[in-house]
Amino acid sequence: MFGLLALQLGGLALGFVACGFGLLAAVPVVSGLTASAYRQLFGDDDAAGFMSGR
C-alpha cells in the first residue's frame, strides 16, 4: 500500500509542477488507481447493489 501512496503522491506532484493544469489529468488517474486497488483488495462483490445499473 505504501508503494501505491508514493505513486499517487508522485503523480499529483508532477501534475502540480506542470503549472497546475497537469492536475486536471492527474486527479482522475489517481482516483482510478485508488478504485482499482480497492476492488483488487476487497473484490468486486456489490452487496448494496450500487453497481447493478438500476
N, C-alpha and C. Protein backbone atom coordinates (compact mmCIF):
# COMPACT_ATOMS: atom_id res chain seq x y z
N MET A 1 0.82 -1.19 0.00
CA MET A 1 0.00 0.00 0.00
C MET A 1 0.86 1.26 0.00
N PHE A 2 2.04 1.18 0.64
CA PHE A 2 2.89 2.37 0.67
C PHE A 2 3.36 2.73 -0.73
N GLY A 3 3.62 1.72 -1.54
CA GLY A 3 4.04 1.98 -2.92
C GLY A 3 2.97 2.69 -3.72
N LEU A 4 1.71 2.30 -3.52
CA LEU A 4 0.61 2.95 -4.21
C LEU A 4 0.48 4.41 -3.77
N LEU A 5 0.62 4.65 -2.47
CA LEU A 5 0.55 6.02 -1.96
C LEU A 5 1.67 6.87 -2.54
N ALA A 6 2.88 6.32 -2.60
CA ALA A 6 4.01 7.05 -3.16
C ALA A 6 3.78 7.35 -4.64
N LEU A 7 3.23 6.38 -5.37
CA LEU A 7 2.93 6.59 -6.78
C LEU A 7 1.88 7.69 -6.97
N GLN A 8 0.85 7.68 -6.13
CA GLN A 8 -0.20 8.70 -6.22
C GLN A 8 0.35 10.08 -5.90
N LEU A 9 1.11 10.19 -4.82
CA LEU A 9 1.67 11.49 -4.46
C LEU A 9 2.64 12.00 -5.52
N GLY A 10 3.42 11.09 -6.10
CA GLY A 10 4.33 11.49 -7.17
C GLY A 10 3.58 11.98 -8.39
N GLY A 11 2.51 11.30 -8.76
CA GLY A 11 1.72 11.73 -9.91
C GLY A 11 1.05 13.07 -9.68
N LEU A 12 0.53 13.28 -8.47
CA LEU A 12 -0.09 14.57 -8.16
C LEU A 12 0.95 15.68 -8.10
N ALA A 13 2.13 15.38 -7.59
CA ALA A 13 3.19 16.38 -7.55
C ALA A 13 3.62 16.78 -8.96
N LEU A 14 3.74 15.80 -9.85
CA LEU A 14 4.09 16.13 -11.24
C LEU A 14 2.99 16.94 -11.90
N GLY A 15 1.75 16.63 -11.60
CA GLY A 15 0.64 17.41 -12.14
C GLY A 15 0.65 18.84 -11.62
N PHE A 16 1.01 19.01 -10.37
CA PHE A 16 1.07 20.36 -9.79
C PHE A 16 2.23 21.15 -10.37
N VAL A 17 3.36 20.48 -10.60
CA VAL A 17 4.53 21.16 -11.15
C VAL A 17 4.24 21.68 -12.55
N ALA A 18 3.39 21.00 -13.28
CA ALA A 18 3.04 21.42 -14.65
C ALA A 18 2.03 22.57 -14.60
N CYS A 19 2.35 23.58 -13.84
CA CYS A 19 1.56 24.82 -13.73
C CYS A 19 0.14 24.58 -13.24
N GLY A 20 -0.09 23.51 -12.54
CA GLY A 20 -1.41 23.24 -12.01
C GLY A 20 -2.36 22.60 -13.01
N PHE A 21 -2.13 22.80 -14.29
CA PHE A 21 -3.02 22.23 -15.31
C PHE A 21 -2.86 20.72 -15.40
N GLY A 22 -1.72 20.22 -15.01
CA GLY A 22 -1.50 18.78 -15.00
C GLY A 22 -2.39 18.06 -14.00
N LEU A 23 -2.88 18.80 -13.01
CA LEU A 23 -3.79 18.20 -12.03
C LEU A 23 -5.09 17.78 -12.68
N LEU A 24 -5.47 18.44 -13.77
CA LEU A 24 -6.69 18.06 -14.48
C LEU A 24 -6.59 16.64 -15.03
N ALA A 25 -5.39 16.21 -15.33
CA ALA A 25 -5.18 14.84 -15.79
C ALA A 25 -4.79 13.91 -14.64
N ALA A 26 -4.05 14.43 -13.67
CA ALA A 26 -3.52 13.58 -12.60
C ALA A 26 -4.60 13.14 -11.61
N VAL A 27 -5.53 14.00 -11.28
CA VAL A 27 -6.55 13.66 -10.27
C VAL A 27 -7.44 12.50 -10.73
N PRO A 28 -7.95 12.50 -11.97
CA PRO A 28 -8.75 11.34 -12.39
C PRO A 28 -7.94 10.04 -12.46
N VAL A 29 -6.68 10.14 -12.84
CA VAL A 29 -5.84 8.94 -12.90
C VAL A 29 -5.62 8.38 -11.50
N VAL A 30 -5.34 9.25 -10.54
CA VAL A 30 -5.14 8.81 -9.15
C VAL A 30 -6.43 8.22 -8.58
N SER A 31 -7.55 8.83 -8.91
CA SER A 31 -8.84 8.29 -8.44
C SER A 31 -9.09 6.90 -9.02
N GLY A 32 -8.76 6.72 -10.28
CA GLY A 32 -8.90 5.41 -10.91
C GLY A 32 -7.97 4.37 -10.31
N LEU A 33 -6.75 4.78 -9.99
CA LEU A 33 -5.82 3.86 -9.34
C LEU A 33 -6.34 3.42 -7.98
N THR A 34 -6.88 4.37 -7.23
CA THR A 34 -7.41 4.05 -5.91
C THR A 34 -8.60 3.10 -6.02
N ALA A 35 -9.49 3.36 -6.95
CA ALA A 35 -10.66 2.49 -7.13
C ALA A 35 -10.24 1.10 -7.57
N SER A 36 -9.28 1.02 -8.47
CA SER A 36 -8.81 -0.28 -8.94
C SER A 36 -8.15 -1.07 -7.81
N ALA A 37 -7.33 -0.40 -7.01
CA ALA A 37 -6.68 -1.08 -5.89
C ALA A 37 -7.71 -1.55 -4.87
N TYR A 38 -8.72 -0.75 -4.62
CA TYR A 38 -9.77 -1.13 -3.67
C TYR A 38 -10.50 -2.38 -4.15
N ARG A 39 -10.83 -2.41 -5.44
CA ARG A 39 -11.56 -3.57 -5.98
C ARG A 39 -10.69 -4.82 -5.97
N GLN A 40 -9.37 -4.65 -6.17
CA GLN A 40 -8.49 -5.81 -6.12
C GLN A 40 -8.33 -6.33 -4.70
N LEU A 41 -8.31 -5.43 -3.73
CA LEU A 41 -8.15 -5.85 -2.34
C LEU A 41 -9.41 -6.46 -1.76
N PHE A 42 -10.55 -5.86 -2.04
CA PHE A 42 -11.79 -6.26 -1.40
C PHE A 42 -12.75 -6.99 -2.32
N GLY A 43 -12.36 -7.19 -3.56
CA GLY A 43 -13.22 -7.89 -4.50
C GLY A 43 -14.28 -6.98 -5.10
N ASP A 44 -14.97 -7.48 -6.10
CA ASP A 44 -15.97 -6.66 -6.76
C ASP A 44 -17.38 -7.12 -6.42
N ASP A 45 -17.54 -7.74 -5.26
CA ASP A 45 -18.87 -8.14 -4.79
C ASP A 45 -19.62 -6.88 -4.35
N ASP A 46 -20.77 -6.64 -4.96
CA ASP A 46 -21.55 -5.44 -4.69
C ASP A 46 -22.79 -5.81 -3.89
N ALA A 47 -22.64 -5.89 -2.59
CA ALA A 47 -23.75 -6.31 -1.73
C ALA A 47 -24.86 -5.26 -1.68
N ALA A 48 -24.51 -3.98 -1.85
CA ALA A 48 -25.51 -2.92 -1.76
C ALA A 48 -26.27 -2.73 -3.07
N GLY A 49 -25.73 -3.22 -4.19
CA GLY A 49 -26.40 -3.10 -5.47
C GLY A 49 -26.15 -1.80 -6.20
N PHE A 50 -25.13 -1.04 -5.80
CA PHE A 50 -24.86 0.24 -6.44
C PHE A 50 -24.32 0.09 -7.86
N MET A 51 -23.66 -1.02 -8.15
CA MET A 51 -23.04 -1.21 -9.46
C MET A 51 -23.94 -1.97 -10.42
N SER A 52 -25.18 -2.24 -10.05
CA SER A 52 -26.05 -3.06 -10.89
C SER A 52 -26.63 -2.28 -12.07
N GLY A 53 -26.55 -0.95 -12.05
CA GLY A 53 -27.04 -0.15 -13.16
C GLY A 53 -28.52 0.13 -13.12
N ARG A 54 -29.16 -0.13 -12.01
CA ARG A 54 -30.60 0.15 -11.90
C ARG A 54 -30.84 1.46 -11.23
